[in-house]
Amino acid sequence: MSRKSYSTRELVRCLRRLGFTEEPHRGKGSHRWFVFLLDGLKTRTMLPAKRRDIPPKTYASMLRQIRLHQSEFAQACDGKLPPAEYAALLQVRRDDTSFKPRMD
């Protein structure tokens, strides 16, 4: 189920399926910010705006910020991980400062 790379467009689609929304007025520049609100706390991640393929380190950093493993993110992209299940996972993993995404 491993995948080499994602495009920015694919990552945006997957984040929106998880329930993330874009912060439109996050300043000028070449990046887009996405936020997920849960119990008044924000989970944020940032993506390059006009990149075709995201480098592996950037992808791993995004997974670490949203607290998902690669296989879970692939499920989200396929529509098999609804926002409610993601919220439950996030509640468990939010305080884990040592979280590292498994790159399956």
N, C-alpha and C. Protein backbone atom coordinates (compact mmCIF):
# COMPACT_ATOMS: atom_id res chain seq x y z
N MET A 1 0.82 -1.19 0.00
CA MET A 1 0.00 0.00 0.00
C MET A 1 0.86 1.25 0.00
N SER A 2 2.15 1.06 -0.02
CA SER A 2 3.08 2.16 -0.03
C SER A 2 2.98 2.94 -1.33
N ARG A 3 3.18 4.22 -1.24
CA ARG A 3 3.08 5.07 -2.41
C ARG A 3 4.28 5.99 -2.45
N LYS A 4 4.82 6.24 -3.63
CA LYS A 4 6.03 7.04 -3.74
C LYS A 4 5.79 8.50 -3.40
N SER A 5 4.84 9.13 -4.06
CA SER A 5 4.61 10.54 -3.81
C SER A 5 3.17 10.93 -4.11
N TYR A 6 2.79 12.05 -3.57
CA TYR A 6 1.48 12.64 -3.80
C TYR A 6 1.68 14.00 -4.43
N SER A 7 0.71 14.44 -5.20
CA SER A 7 0.74 15.81 -5.69
C SER A 7 0.02 16.69 -4.66
N THR A 8 0.24 17.98 -4.76
CA THR A 8 -0.43 18.90 -3.85
C THR A 8 -1.94 18.77 -3.98
N ARG A 9 -2.43 18.64 -5.19
CA ARG A 9 -3.87 18.54 -5.42
C ARG A 9 -4.45 17.31 -4.71
N GLU A 10 -3.76 16.18 -4.79
CA GLU A 10 -4.23 14.95 -4.12
C GLU A 10 -4.24 15.11 -2.60
N LEU A 11 -3.19 15.73 -2.07
CA LEU A 11 -3.13 15.92 -0.61
C LEU A 11 -4.24 16.85 -0.13
N VAL A 12 -4.52 17.89 -0.88
CA VAL A 12 -5.61 18.81 -0.51
C VAL A 12 -6.93 18.06 -0.49
N ARG A 13 -7.17 17.23 -1.50
CA ARG A 13 -8.41 16.44 -1.56
C ARG A 13 -8.52 15.52 -0.34
N CYS A 14 -7.41 14.86 0.01
CA CYS A 14 -7.42 13.94 1.15
C CYS A 14 -7.66 14.68 2.46
N LEU A 15 -7.02 15.83 2.63
CA LEU A 15 -7.21 16.60 3.86
C LEU A 15 -8.65 17.06 3.99
N ARG A 16 -9.25 17.47 2.89
CA ARG A 16 -10.66 17.90 2.94
C ARG A 16 -11.58 16.73 3.29
N ARG A 17 -11.26 15.53 2.81
CA ARG A 17 -12.06 14.35 3.17
C ARG A 17 -11.96 14.05 4.66
N LEU A 18 -10.83 14.39 5.28
CA LEU A 18 -10.66 14.18 6.72
C LEU A 18 -11.38 15.23 7.54
N GLY A 19 -11.79 16.33 6.91
CA GLY A 19 -12.48 17.38 7.63
C GLY A 19 -11.66 18.65 7.82
N PHE A 20 -10.51 18.74 7.20
CA PHE A 20 -9.69 19.94 7.27
C PHE A 20 -10.28 21.02 6.38
N THR A 21 -10.12 22.27 6.80
CA THR A 21 -10.53 23.40 5.99
C THR A 21 -9.31 24.30 5.78
N GLU A 22 -9.32 25.01 4.67
CA GLU A 22 -8.20 25.88 4.36
C GLU A 22 -8.38 27.22 5.05
N GLU A 23 -7.29 27.73 5.59
CA GLU A 23 -7.30 29.07 6.18
C GLU A 23 -6.95 30.05 5.05
N PRO A 24 -7.94 30.73 4.51
CA PRO A 24 -7.70 31.52 3.30
C PRO A 24 -6.85 32.77 3.51
N HIS A 25 -6.91 33.36 4.66
CA HIS A 25 -6.20 34.62 4.89
C HIS A 25 -5.02 34.41 5.81
N ARG A 26 -4.24 33.42 5.51
CA ARG A 26 -3.10 33.07 6.35
C ARG A 26 -1.83 33.80 5.90
N GLY A 27 -1.99 34.86 5.17
CA GLY A 27 -0.84 35.63 4.71
C GLY A 27 -0.51 35.34 3.27
N LYS A 28 0.36 36.11 2.74
CA LYS A 28 0.77 35.92 1.36
C LYS A 28 1.90 34.90 1.32
N GLY A 29 2.06 34.29 0.18
CA GLY A 29 3.18 33.37 0.07
C GLY A 29 2.86 32.16 -0.75
N SER A 30 3.75 31.22 -0.69
CA SER A 30 3.66 30.05 -1.56
C SER A 30 3.19 28.81 -0.82
N HIS A 31 2.53 28.97 0.32
CA HIS A 31 2.06 27.82 1.09
C HIS A 31 0.59 27.97 1.42
N ARG A 32 -0.07 26.85 1.63
CA ARG A 32 -1.48 26.82 2.01
C ARG A 32 -1.59 26.14 3.37
N TRP A 33 -2.35 26.75 4.26
CA TRP A 33 -2.55 26.22 5.61
C TRP A 33 -3.92 25.55 5.68
N PHE A 34 -3.95 24.38 6.35
CA PHE A 34 -5.18 23.65 6.58
C PHE A 34 -5.33 23.40 8.07
N VAL A 35 -6.58 23.50 8.55
CA VAL A 35 -6.83 23.37 9.98
C VAL A 35 -8.00 22.42 10.23
N PHE A 36 -7.89 21.67 11.33
CA PHE A 36 -8.96 20.79 11.79
C PHE A 36 -9.26 21.19 13.22
N LEU A 37 -10.50 21.59 13.49
CA LEU A 37 -10.89 22.02 14.83
C LEU A 37 -11.55 20.87 15.57
N LEU A 38 -11.09 20.63 16.80
CA LEU A 38 -11.65 19.58 17.64
C LEU A 38 -11.61 20.06 19.08
N ASP A 39 -12.77 20.22 19.68
CA ASP A 39 -12.88 20.67 21.07
C ASP A 39 -12.13 21.97 21.31
N GLY A 40 -12.20 22.89 20.35
CA GLY A 40 -11.57 24.19 20.51
C GLY A 40 -10.07 24.19 20.26
N LEU A 41 -9.47 23.04 19.98
CA LEU A 41 -8.05 22.96 19.69
C LEU A 41 -7.85 22.75 18.20
N LYS A 42 -6.82 23.41 17.67
CA LYS A 42 -6.55 23.32 16.24
C LYS A 42 -5.44 22.33 15.96
N THR A 43 -5.61 21.59 14.90
CA THR A 43 -4.55 20.77 14.33
C THR A 43 -4.27 21.37 12.97
N ARG A 44 -3.04 21.80 12.74
CA ARG A 44 -2.70 22.49 11.50
C ARG A 44 -1.63 21.77 10.73
N THR A 45 -1.67 21.96 9.44
CA THR A 45 -0.60 21.50 8.57
C THR A 45 -0.49 22.48 7.41
N MET A 46 0.66 22.47 6.78
CA MET A 46 0.93 23.40 5.70
C MET A 46 1.42 22.62 4.49
N LEU A 47 0.99 23.04 3.32
CA LEU A 47 1.41 22.41 2.07
C LEU A 47 1.92 23.48 1.11
N PRO A 48 2.91 23.14 0.29
CA PRO A 48 3.33 24.07 -0.76
C PRO A 48 2.16 24.28 -1.72
N ALA A 49 1.98 25.49 -2.19
CA ALA A 49 0.82 25.81 -3.01
C ALA A 49 0.91 25.30 -4.44
N LYS A 50 2.06 25.38 -5.04
CA LYS A 50 2.13 25.08 -6.46
C LYS A 50 3.12 23.99 -6.80
N ARG A 51 3.29 23.06 -5.95
CA ARG A 51 4.21 21.94 -6.20
C ARG A 51 3.44 20.81 -6.82
N ARG A 52 4.04 20.14 -7.74
CA ARG A 52 3.38 18.98 -8.33
C ARG A 52 3.53 17.76 -7.44
N ASP A 53 4.74 17.35 -7.16
CA ASP A 53 4.98 16.21 -6.28
C ASP A 53 5.61 16.69 -4.98
N ILE A 54 5.08 16.21 -3.88
CA ILE A 54 5.57 16.60 -2.56
C ILE A 54 6.76 15.70 -2.22
N PRO A 55 7.88 16.29 -1.79
CA PRO A 55 9.03 15.47 -1.40
C PRO A 55 8.70 14.58 -0.20
N PRO A 56 9.38 13.44 -0.07
CA PRO A 56 9.08 12.50 1.02
C PRO A 56 9.20 13.11 2.42
N LYS A 57 10.17 13.98 2.64
CA LYS A 57 10.32 14.59 3.97
C LYS A 57 9.16 15.52 4.28
N THR A 58 8.69 16.25 3.30
CA THR A 58 7.54 17.15 3.50
C THR A 58 6.29 16.33 3.78
N TYR A 59 6.14 15.23 3.07
CA TYR A 59 5.00 14.33 3.27
C TYR A 59 5.04 13.75 4.69
N ALA A 60 6.20 13.29 5.13
CA ALA A 60 6.34 12.74 6.49
C ALA A 60 6.06 13.80 7.54
N SER A 61 6.49 15.02 7.29
CA SER A 61 6.24 16.12 8.23
C SER A 61 4.74 16.41 8.33
N MET A 62 4.04 16.39 7.20
CA MET A 62 2.60 16.62 7.21
C MET A 62 1.90 15.51 7.99
N LEU A 63 2.32 14.25 7.79
CA LEU A 63 1.72 13.14 8.54
C LEU A 63 1.95 13.29 10.04
N ARG A 64 3.14 13.74 10.41
CA ARG A 64 3.44 13.94 11.83
C ARG A 64 2.54 15.04 12.41
N GLN A 65 2.32 16.11 11.65
CA GLN A 65 1.49 17.22 12.13
C GLN A 65 0.03 16.81 12.30
N ILE A 66 -0.48 15.98 11.40
CA ILE A 66 -1.88 15.58 11.50
C ILE A 66 -2.07 14.27 12.26
N ARG A 67 -0.96 13.69 12.74
CA ARG A 67 -0.96 12.52 13.62
C ARG A 67 -1.59 11.28 12.98
N LEU A 68 -1.16 10.97 11.75
CA LEU A 68 -1.63 9.77 11.07
C LEU A 68 -0.46 8.98 10.51
N HIS A 69 -0.63 7.68 10.46
CA HIS A 69 0.35 6.82 9.80
C HIS A 69 0.04 6.81 8.30
N GLN A 70 0.99 6.40 7.50
CA GLN A 70 0.82 6.43 6.06
C GLN A 70 -0.36 5.58 5.61
N SER A 71 -0.54 4.41 6.18
CA SER A 71 -1.65 3.55 5.79
C SER A 71 -3.00 4.18 6.16
N GLU A 72 -3.07 4.86 7.30
CA GLU A 72 -4.31 5.54 7.70
C GLU A 72 -4.62 6.70 6.76
N PHE A 73 -3.58 7.42 6.35
CA PHE A 73 -3.79 8.53 5.43
C PHE A 73 -4.25 8.00 4.07
N ALA A 74 -3.72 6.87 3.63
CA ALA A 74 -4.16 6.26 2.37
C ALA A 74 -5.64 5.87 2.46
N GLN A 75 -6.07 5.38 3.63
CA GLN A 75 -7.48 5.07 3.83
C GLN A 75 -8.33 6.33 3.72
N ALA A 76 -7.83 7.43 4.29
CA ALA A 76 -8.56 8.69 4.22
C ALA A 76 -8.70 9.15 2.77
N CYS A 77 -7.64 8.97 2.00
CA CYS A 77 -7.68 9.37 0.59
C CYS A 77 -8.69 8.53 -0.19
N ASP A 78 -8.85 7.28 0.21
CA ASP A 78 -9.81 6.40 -0.44
C ASP A 78 -11.23 6.59 0.09
N GLY A 79 -11.40 7.45 1.10
CA GLY A 79 -12.72 7.70 1.67
C GLY A 79 -13.12 6.68 2.71
N LYS A 80 -12.18 5.88 3.20
CA LYS A 80 -12.50 4.83 4.17
C LYS A 80 -12.25 5.25 5.61
N LEU A 81 -11.76 6.46 5.83
CA LEU A 81 -11.55 6.97 7.18
C LEU A 81 -12.36 8.26 7.32
N PRO A 82 -13.58 8.17 7.86
CA PRO A 82 -14.42 9.36 7.97
C PRO A 82 -13.89 10.34 9.01
N PRO A 83 -14.30 11.60 8.92
CA PRO A 83 -13.83 12.61 9.87
C PRO A 83 -14.08 12.25 11.33
N ALA A 84 -15.17 11.56 11.62
CA ALA A 84 -15.45 11.18 13.02
C ALA A 84 -14.41 10.20 13.55
N GLU A 85 -14.00 9.26 12.72
CA GLU A 85 -12.96 8.31 13.15
C GLU A 85 -11.62 9.00 13.29
N TYR A 86 -11.33 9.95 12.38
CA TYR A 86 -10.09 10.71 12.49
C TYR A 86 -10.09 11.53 13.78
N ALA A 87 -11.22 12.12 14.13
CA ALA A 87 -11.31 12.90 15.36
C ALA A 87 -11.03 12.02 16.58
N ALA A 88 -11.52 10.79 16.57
CA ALA A 88 -11.27 9.86 17.68
C ALA A 88 -9.78 9.51 17.76
N LEU A 89 -9.15 9.25 16.62
CA LEU A 89 -7.71 8.97 16.60
C LEU A 89 -6.91 10.17 17.10
N LEU A 90 -7.33 11.34 16.66
CA LEU A 90 -6.62 12.56 17.03
C LEU A 90 -6.71 12.82 18.53
N GLN A 91 -7.84 12.53 19.13
CA GLN A 91 -7.98 12.73 20.57
C GLN A 91 -6.99 11.86 21.34
N VAL A 92 -6.78 10.66 20.87
CA VAL A 92 -5.86 9.74 21.54
C VAL A 92 -4.41 10.18 21.34
N ARG A 93 -4.10 10.63 20.13
CA ARG A 93 -2.70 10.92 19.78
C ARG A 93 -2.27 12.37 19.98
N ARG A 94 -3.19 13.24 20.32
CA ARG A 94 -2.87 14.67 20.38
C ARG A 94 -1.75 15.00 21.37
N ASP A 95 -1.75 14.39 22.52
CA ASP A 95 -0.76 14.72 23.55
C ASP A 95 0.53 13.91 23.44
N ASP A 96 0.61 13.01 22.49
CA ASP A 96 1.79 12.18 22.31
C ASP A 96 2.85 12.97 21.54
N THR A 97 3.82 13.53 22.26
CA THR A 97 4.85 14.36 21.62
C THR A 97 5.87 13.53 20.86
N SER A 98 5.91 12.24 21.12
CA SER A 98 6.88 11.38 20.45
C SER A 98 6.28 10.65 19.26
N PHE A 99 5.10 11.08 18.78
CA PHE A 99 4.44 10.40 17.67
C PHE A 99 5.30 10.50 16.41
N LYS A 100 5.54 9.35 15.79
CA LYS A 100 6.22 9.29 14.49
C LYS A 100 5.36 8.47 13.56
N PRO A 101 5.05 9.00 12.38
CA PRO A 101 4.22 8.24 11.46
C PRO A 101 4.95 7.02 10.91
N ARG A 102 4.24 5.90 10.87
CA ARG A 102 4.79 4.69 10.23
C ARG A 102 4.67 4.85 8.74
N MET A 103 5.77 4.70 8.06
CA MET A 103 5.76 4.79 6.61
C MET A 103 5.68 3.37 6.07
N ASP A 104 4.46 2.84 5.98
CA ASP A 104 4.23 1.44 5.59
C ASP A 104 4.64 1.20 4.16
